[in-house]
Protein backbone atom coordinates (compact mmCIF):
# COMPACT_ATOMS: atom_id res chain seq x y z
CA MET A 1 2.91 -12.54 -29.63
CA ALA A 2 3.19 -15.91 -27.92
CA VAL A 3 4.45 -16.25 -24.36
CA ARG A 4 7.06 -18.99 -24.03
CA LEU A 5 8.62 -20.97 -21.20
CA PHE A 6 12.24 -21.97 -21.71
CA ALA A 7 14.53 -23.88 -19.34
CA ARG A 8 18.20 -24.71 -19.77
CA GLY A 9 19.12 -28.00 -18.14
CA SER A 10 22.86 -27.33 -17.89
CA ASP A 11 22.47 -24.58 -15.25
CA GLY A 12 18.78 -24.72 -14.30
CA LYS A 13 17.96 -21.21 -15.54
CA VAL A 14 14.31 -20.66 -16.49
CA ILE A 15 12.58 -17.80 -18.31
CA VAL A 16 9.08 -16.85 -19.33
CA CYS A 17 9.27 -14.48 -22.25
CA THR A 18 7.50 -12.96 -25.21
CA GLY A 19 9.04 -13.74 -28.59
CA GLY A 20 12.41 -15.38 -28.88
CA ALA A 21 11.52 -18.36 -31.06
CA SER A 22 15.11 -19.31 -31.91
CA ALA A 23 17.54 -21.11 -29.63
CA LEU A 24 20.04 -18.26 -30.11
CA THR A 25 17.50 -15.66 -28.93
CA MET A 26 16.49 -17.81 -25.96
CA THR A 27 20.14 -18.18 -24.97
CA ASP A 28 20.57 -14.40 -25.18
CA TYR A 29 17.49 -13.93 -22.96
CA LEU A 30 18.91 -16.43 -20.43
CA ASP A 31 22.43 -14.99 -20.42
CA LYS A 32 21.62 -11.26 -20.65
CA PRO A 33 18.30 -10.70 -18.87
CA LYS A 34 18.80 -6.98 -18.18
CA LYS A 35 19.46 -6.30 -21.86
CA ASN A 36 16.25 -8.19 -22.76
CA ILE A 37 14.08 -7.05 -19.84
CA ALA A 38 11.31 -5.75 -22.13
CA SER A 39 10.70 -9.30 -23.40
CA LEU A 40 10.93 -11.11 -20.04
CA HIS A 41 8.00 -11.88 -17.73
CA PHE A 42 10.15 -14.01 -15.39
CA HIS A 43 13.82 -14.93 -15.09
CA SER A 44 15.04 -17.38 -12.45
CA GLY A 45 18.22 -15.35 -12.00
CA PHE A 46 16.31 -12.34 -10.65
CA SER A 47 15.48 -11.91 -6.97
CA TYR A 48 11.77 -11.44 -6.34
CA MET A 49 9.87 -10.20 -3.31
CA SER A 50 7.97 -12.87 -1.43
CA LEU A 51 5.05 -12.63 0.96
CA LEU A 52 6.00 -12.74 4.62
CA GLY A 53 3.00 -14.95 5.34
CA ASP A 54 -0.74 -15.00 4.99
CA PRO A 55 -2.42 -11.60 4.62
CA VAL A 56 -3.75 -10.05 7.82
CA THR A 57 -7.32 -8.74 7.96
CA VAL A 58 -8.12 -6.21 10.66
CA SER A 59 -11.17 -4.13 11.50
CA ILE A 60 -10.44 -0.58 12.67
CA ALA A 61 -12.93 1.65 14.51
CA PHE A 62 -12.09 5.23 13.53
CA PRO A 63 -13.45 7.62 16.18
CA TYR A 64 -15.75 10.60 15.82
CA ARG A 65 -13.77 13.73 14.91
CA ALA A 66 -15.49 16.93 16.04
CA ALA A 67 -15.62 20.17 14.14
CA VAL A 68 -14.37 23.08 16.25
CA THR A 69 -16.20 26.38 16.63
CA HIS A 70 -14.95 29.40 18.58
CA ALA A 71 -17.16 32.08 20.06
CA GLY A 72 -16.32 35.55 18.92
CA SER A 73 -16.25 38.56 21.23
CA GLY A 74 -17.81 41.96 20.86
CA LYS A 75 -21.22 43.58 21.06
CA LYS A 76 -22.78 41.07 18.76
CA PRO A 77 -22.22 37.44 19.83
CA SER A 78 -20.92 35.35 16.95
CA SER A 79 -19.07 32.10 16.35
CA TYR A 80 -16.78 30.87 13.65
CA SER A 81 -15.44 27.50 12.53
CA VAL A 82 -11.77 26.68 12.97
CA PRO A 83 -9.97 24.04 10.90
CA THR A 84 -8.48 21.23 13.00
CA SER A 85 -6.35 18.30 11.98
CA GLY A 86 -4.55 15.35 13.44
CA SER A 87 -3.26 11.86 12.85
CA GLN A 88 -3.35 8.49 14.52
CA THR A 89 -1.81 5.09 13.77
CA TYR A 90 -3.41 1.70 14.36
CA ASP A 91 -1.33 -1.49 14.79
CA VAL A 92 -2.11 -4.08 12.13
CA ALA A 93 0.65 -6.69 12.27
CA THR A 94 4.10 -7.43 13.65
CA HIS A 95 6.77 -8.54 11.17
CA ASN A 96 10.07 -8.03 13.12
CA LEU A 97 12.10 -8.03 9.87
CA GLY A 98 14.51 -5.36 11.11
CA TYR A 99 13.99 -3.21 8.00
CA TYR A 100 11.16 -1.25 6.38
CA PRO A 101 9.40 -3.82 4.17
CA PHE A 102 6.96 -3.15 1.37
CA ALA A 103 3.34 -3.59 2.38
CA THR A 104 0.09 -3.03 0.55
CA SER A 105 -3.49 -3.02 1.74
CA SER A 106 -7.01 -3.30 0.42
CA ARG A 107 -10.39 -2.24 1.72
CA GLY A 108 -12.76 -4.75 0.18
CA VAL A 109 -11.70 -5.05 -3.46
CA ASN A 110 -10.13 -1.56 -3.60
CA GLN A 111 -6.43 -1.09 -2.98
CA VAL A 112 -5.51 1.46 -0.31
CA THR A 113 -3.31 4.03 -2.01
CA PRO A 114 -1.38 6.77 -0.21
CA THR A 115 -3.79 9.24 1.34
CA LEU A 116 -6.91 7.32 0.30
CA PRO A 117 -9.94 9.52 1.02
CA LEU A 118 -11.80 7.18 3.34
CA GLN A 119 -14.51 9.61 4.46
CA THR A 120 -15.66 13.13 3.58
CA SER A 121 -18.25 15.46 5.04
CA GLY A 122 -18.38 18.87 3.40
CA ALA A 123 -14.86 20.31 3.72
CA SER A 124 -13.86 17.70 6.34
CA LEU A 125 -12.06 14.53 5.36
CA ARG A 126 -10.33 11.42 6.71
CA LEU A 127 -7.40 9.87 4.81
CA VAL A 128 -5.75 6.48 5.39
CA ASN A 129 -2.57 4.76 4.25
CA VAL A 130 -0.62 1.61 5.10
CA THR A 131 2.71 2.45 6.81
CA MET A 132 5.41 0.42 8.51
CA ASP A 133 8.53 0.57 10.61
CA THR A 134 11.26 -2.01 11.21
CA ALA A 135 8.97 -4.18 13.38
CA LYS A 136 5.29 -3.41 12.67
CA VAL A 137 2.73 -2.56 10.00
CA PHE A 138 0.14 0.15 10.67
CA ILE A 139 -2.87 1.82 9.14
CA SER A 140 -2.22 5.54 9.42
CA GLU A 141 -5.12 8.01 9.64
CA GLN A 142 -4.94 11.74 8.94
CA TRP A 143 -7.99 13.96 9.31
CA VAL A 144 -9.06 17.56 8.83
CA THR A 145 -12.34 18.94 10.12
CA TYR A 146 -13.84 22.25 9.12
CA ILE A 147 -17.51 23.16 9.69
CA ASN A 148 -18.63 19.50 9.59
CA ALA A 149 -17.68 16.70 11.98
CA LEU A 150 -16.59 13.26 10.84
CA ASP A 151 -18.78 10.45 12.16
CA ALA A 152 -17.23 7.36 13.73
CA LEU A 153 -16.56 4.70 11.11
CA THR A 154 -15.48 1.05 11.22
CA GLU A 155 -13.62 -0.38 8.22
CA SER A 156 -11.88 -3.68 7.48
CA PHE A 157 -8.47 -3.79 5.82
CA THR A 158 -6.45 -6.69 4.44
CA VAL A 159 -2.68 -6.16 4.55
CA TRP A 160 0.07 -8.05 2.69
CA THR A 161 3.67 -7.66 3.88
CA PHE A 162 6.55 -8.58 1.57
CA ARG A 163 10.13 -9.64 2.30
CA ASN A 164 12.94 -7.88 0.45
CA PRO A 165 14.44 -9.94 -2.38
CA GLU A 166 17.28 -12.20 -1.25
């Protein structure tokens, strides 16, 4: 089905929609966008998120995470692996919006999704996610080591921060 652009000069409303070839249908789309949301790609009456500014690219050096082994006691010396875990946040950008904005990130061409497995080594793994507070955007790291250590790793991330709709 064709995608159409329609603008009404009397009030300046604009839509991009699928279908709606008649003037009556276009008027319905303009006047009742929520009712016709399935056919609308854009409506000038809706509030949309906008980028805060240019994306920020940052390179983060994730440190070596050691696997932990404990020595056993008794007649026969032995050792055993112990799972360890932790987290760390890395500052990426300052936005000072005063609220928790939406932000998304990519590593190369791949989007960073919540708890993205960034690195694995046997049963050990390092996860990353983009997080934010009311003033800053961070890359958050969580790791678990068991038997195998996690080598140090440097990765670049590009982060986009969005303003709330106004």
